[in-house]
Amino acid sequence: MLAFHYGKTGDIIISAETAQVQAFEMSHTLEEELLYLIVHGILHLNGYDDTHAKSYEKMKKKQDAIFTEISGSLNAKR
């Protein structure tokens, strides 16, 4: 996943092939892995950083909370 920030906008680029491998490794569905990567990219575009242990933990906590909230909604019965 790559995130490019352009002032008030940005791009997130995700390799579907890499996401599929990661999904298998993490026992996620491809959809869950893509969602996780999208959330991760959005956090990067909003100033979160994961290059140092302290900032990584802060970002991971936020990322996991968002992922849990959204993925619970995705599993809701219609």
Protein backbone atom coordinates (compact mmCIF):
# COMPACT_ATOMS: atom_id res chain seq x y z
CA MET A 1 0.00 0.00 0.00
CA LEU A 2 1.27 3.42 -0.93
CA ALA A 3 -0.31 6.71 0.09
CA PHE A 4 0.52 9.99 -1.62
CA HIS A 5 -0.62 13.24 -0.04
CA TYR A 6 -1.21 16.29 -2.27
CA GLY A 7 -2.26 19.06 0.09
CA LYS A 8 -5.98 18.51 0.68
CA THR A 9 -6.21 15.40 -1.50
CA GLY A 10 -4.30 12.19 -1.93
CA ASP A 11 -4.09 8.79 -3.54
CA ILE A 12 -3.91 5.33 -2.05
CA ILE A 13 -2.46 2.56 -4.21
CA ILE A 14 -2.97 -1.07 -3.21
CA SER A 15 -1.61 -4.15 -4.96
CA ALA A 16 -4.49 -6.64 -5.15
CA GLU A 17 -2.01 -9.50 -5.50
CA THR A 18 -0.08 -8.48 -2.38
CA ALA A 19 -3.34 -7.92 -0.49
CA GLN A 20 -4.44 -11.46 -1.39
CA VAL A 21 -1.18 -12.92 -0.02
CA GLN A 22 -1.44 -10.81 3.14
CA ALA A 23 -5.08 -11.81 3.60
CA PHE A 24 -4.10 -15.47 3.50
CA GLU A 25 -1.22 -14.90 5.93
CA MET A 26 -3.45 -13.03 8.39
CA SER A 27 -6.47 -15.34 7.96
CA HIS A 28 -8.56 -12.46 6.60
CA THR A 29 -10.80 -12.42 3.58
CA LEU A 30 -9.51 -10.34 0.69
CA GLU A 31 -12.25 -7.81 1.43
CA GLU A 32 -11.13 -7.49 5.07
CA GLU A 33 -7.50 -7.05 4.04
CA LEU A 34 -8.40 -4.40 1.46
CA LEU A 35 -10.47 -2.57 4.05
CA TYR A 36 -7.59 -2.71 6.52
CA LEU A 37 -5.18 -1.32 3.92
CA ILE A 38 -7.61 1.44 2.93
CA VAL A 39 -8.01 2.49 6.57
CA HIS A 40 -4.22 2.41 6.95
CA GLY A 41 -3.78 4.60 3.87
CA ILE A 42 -6.42 7.09 4.99
CA LEU A 43 -4.67 7.42 8.34
CA HIS A 44 -1.38 8.14 6.55
CA LEU A 45 -3.13 10.81 4.48
CA ASN A 46 -4.36 12.33 7.74
CA GLY A 47 -0.90 12.65 9.24
CA TYR A 48 -0.46 9.34 11.08
CA ASP A 49 2.99 7.80 10.90
CA ASP A 50 4.18 4.25 11.57
CA THR A 51 7.95 4.64 11.22
CA HIS A 52 8.71 4.74 14.96
CA ALA A 53 7.47 2.41 17.71
CA LYS A 54 5.47 5.08 19.57
CA SER A 55 3.77 6.50 16.48
CA TYR A 56 3.21 2.96 15.14
CA GLU A 57 1.34 1.98 18.32
CA LYS A 58 -0.80 5.13 18.16
CA MET A 59 -1.63 4.51 14.49
CA LYS A 60 -2.30 0.79 15.00
CA LYS A 61 -4.69 1.48 17.87
CA LYS A 62 -6.67 3.97 15.76
CA GLN A 63 -6.55 1.69 12.71
CA ASP A 64 -7.81 -1.34 14.64
CA ALA A 65 -10.65 0.67 16.22
CA ILE A 66 -11.83 1.96 12.83
CA PHE A 67 -11.46 -1.46 11.20
CA THR A 68 -13.46 -3.14 13.98
CA GLU A 69 -16.24 -0.58 13.75
CA ILE A 70 -16.51 -0.77 9.96
CA SER A 71 -16.06 -4.52 9.61
CA GLY A 72 -18.78 -5.12 12.19
CA SER A 73 -21.09 -3.09 9.98
CA LEU A 74 -20.03 -5.07 6.92
CA ASN A 75 -21.04 -8.30 8.62
CA ALA A 76 -24.48 -7.01 9.59
CA LYS A 77 -27.40 -9.04 8.29
CA ARG A 78 -29.50 -7.24 5.72
